[in-house]
């Protein structure tokens, strides 16, 4: 079996454009996760759960219905920069998110991952966060490949309600 290559020449100009964008300079005050953590009530910011050092929130641009993120409350760019207590708090919510996704969606599988830093693919490179999302066999289709669009069968608020109902505890 040989590895096949798909060439996407347009990617080089995209990568150069992203690489040449300046890093955000505002720090924690300009951080999406800092703003989301401050929203009350939780339902208004689509915050699913909180603990002493972290919170879980819906992804506003989901890959699939039920896609959420877990982030530490403290503004920190890397996992290595978190205290052991903060890292454990993030992982506790990732475990709860995993359980909620299984209950709410009954997926074939789950993706859990962190894109750290701009080169790692982070959309918010200054604040580390972990993605949790349900996956199904064959859940990618021609719309993603050809039209660069995702088709989501439910509104974000419906996903929020399903996950909140399935959240442990």
Foldseek 3Di string as FASTA:
>chain_A
DDDDDDDDPVVVVVVVVLVPDDADDPALVPAPLLVLVPDPPNLVSQWQDDDPFKTKHQDPQDLEQLKIKIFTNDFAQDPVPDDPVNNVRSVVVVVQSQQLCCQLPVAPDKDKAWQEAVVSPDPRNRTTMIIIDGHHVPLDDVCCVPVVDHDYPDDNSVSSVSSSVRGDD
